[in-house]
């Protein structure tokens, strides 16, 4: 999986914006989309409360739409309850 500098920068920005509003979430990894390897999934821990998870998805959706329109990169936020076995690039690799 290849992630360019701008994609890394945008992933950090979107995660930081989400983390500011939802401090209980943690970054897990970034993986390629299942159907298109150019799509990137930003895997995060899901909030415990289902209503809070819906708020997170709506908040992130607005930010991700802006990124798609401004830069042409298709990112998805993937809240995960079970974090075992999720591969991909970890935050340390993104921020390096």
Protein backbone atom coordinates (compact mmCIF):
# COMPACT_ATOMS: atom_id res chain seq x y z
CA UNK A 1 0.00 0.00 0.00
CA UNK A 2 1.34 3.39 -0.99
CA UNK A 3 0.28 6.58 0.74
CA UNK A 4 1.71 9.85 -0.48
CA UNK A 5 2.69 12.81 1.68
CA UNK A 6 -0.57 14.72 1.10
CA UNK A 7 -2.67 11.65 1.97
CA UNK A 8 -0.70 11.20 5.20
CA UNK A 9 -1.21 14.85 6.04
CA UNK A 10 -4.97 14.63 5.38
CA UNK A 11 -5.30 11.42 7.42
CA UNK A 12 -3.62 13.12 10.37
CA UNK A 13 -5.86 16.18 10.01
CA UNK A 14 -9.09 14.18 9.82
CA UNK A 15 -8.10 11.96 12.72
CA UNK A 16 -7.14 14.97 14.86
CA UNK A 17 -10.45 16.69 14.06
CA UNK A 18 -12.40 13.56 14.97
CA UNK A 19 -10.32 12.96 18.10
CA UNK A 20 -10.95 16.52 19.27
CA UNK A 21 -14.71 15.98 19.13
CA UNK A 22 -14.63 12.30 20.15
CA UNK A 23 -11.69 11.90 22.56
CA UNK A 24 -12.62 8.32 23.42
CA UNK A 25 -11.60 6.97 19.99
CA UNK A 26 -8.19 5.56 19.12
CA UNK A 27 -6.44 5.20 15.78
CA UNK A 28 -5.98 1.58 14.70
CA UNK A 29 -4.60 1.68 11.15
CA UNK A 30 -5.12 2.68 7.54
CA UNK A 31 -5.93 -0.07 5.05
CA UNK A 32 -6.80 -0.27 1.37
CA UNK A 33 -10.46 -0.41 0.49
CA UNK A 34 -11.84 -3.89 -0.17
CA UNK A 35 -13.07 -3.10 -3.67
CA UNK A 36 -10.61 -0.42 -4.76
CA UNK A 37 -7.04 -0.26 -3.47
CA UNK A 38 -6.95 3.50 -4.15
CA UNK A 39 -9.62 3.99 -1.48
CA UNK A 40 -8.25 4.23 2.05
CA UNK A 41 -10.04 3.07 5.16
CA UNK A 42 -9.12 4.84 8.38
CA UNK A 43 -9.80 2.23 11.06
CA UNK A 44 -10.58 3.64 14.50
CA UNK A 45 -12.07 2.25 17.67
CA UNK A 46 -15.84 2.69 17.83
CA UNK A 47 -17.43 4.69 20.62
CA UNK A 48 -19.26 2.48 23.11
CA UNK A 49 -22.51 4.38 22.68
CA UNK A 50 -24.31 3.70 19.39
CA UNK A 51 -25.73 7.25 19.20
CA UNK A 52 -22.24 8.64 19.63
CA UNK A 53 -21.00 6.37 16.83
CA UNK A 54 -23.71 7.74 14.52
CA UNK A 55 -22.64 11.30 15.42
CA UNK A 56 -19.04 10.37 14.64
CA UNK A 57 -19.96 8.92 11.23
CA UNK A 58 -21.97 12.02 10.33
CA UNK A 59 -19.22 14.38 11.51
CA UNK A 60 -16.52 12.46 9.64
CA UNK A 61 -18.69 12.20 6.53
CA UNK A 62 -18.77 15.97 6.13
CA UNK A 63 -15.00 16.23 6.52
CA UNK A 64 -14.32 13.32 4.17
CA UNK A 65 -16.64 14.76 1.50
CA UNK A 66 -14.66 18.00 1.62
CA UNK A 67 -11.42 16.04 1.13
CA UNK A 68 -12.90 14.14 -1.81
CA UNK A 69 -14.09 17.34 -3.50
CA UNK A 70 -10.94 19.34 -2.75
CA UNK A 71 -8.25 16.70 -3.36
CA UNK A 72 -9.91 13.72 -5.06
CA UNK A 73 -8.92 11.26 -2.30
CA UNK A 74 -11.60 8.82 -1.16
CA UNK A 75 -11.22 8.03 2.54
CA UNK A 76 -13.66 6.20 4.78
CA UNK A 77 -13.77 6.20 8.56
CA UNK A 78 -14.31 2.66 9.78
CA UNK A 79 -15.31 2.48 13.47
CA UNK A 80 -14.37 -0.98 14.78
CA UNK A 81 -15.60 -2.72 17.90
CA UNK A 82 -13.29 -5.70 17.41
CA UNK A 83 -9.78 -4.48 16.65
CA UNK A 84 -8.01 -7.84 16.47
CA UNK A 85 -6.33 -8.81 13.22
CA UNK A 86 -6.66 -5.43 11.48
CA UNK A 87 -3.52 -4.86 9.44
CA UNK A 88 -2.44 -1.76 7.58
CA UNK A 89 -0.31 1.25 8.41
CA UNK A 90 -0.20 2.26 12.06
CA UNK A 91 -0.26 5.89 13.22
CA UNK A 92 3.50 5.93 13.76
CA UNK A 93 3.99 5.12 10.07
CA UNK A 94 1.53 7.80 8.99
CA UNK A 95 3.12 10.49 11.14
CA UNK A 96 6.70 9.59 10.18
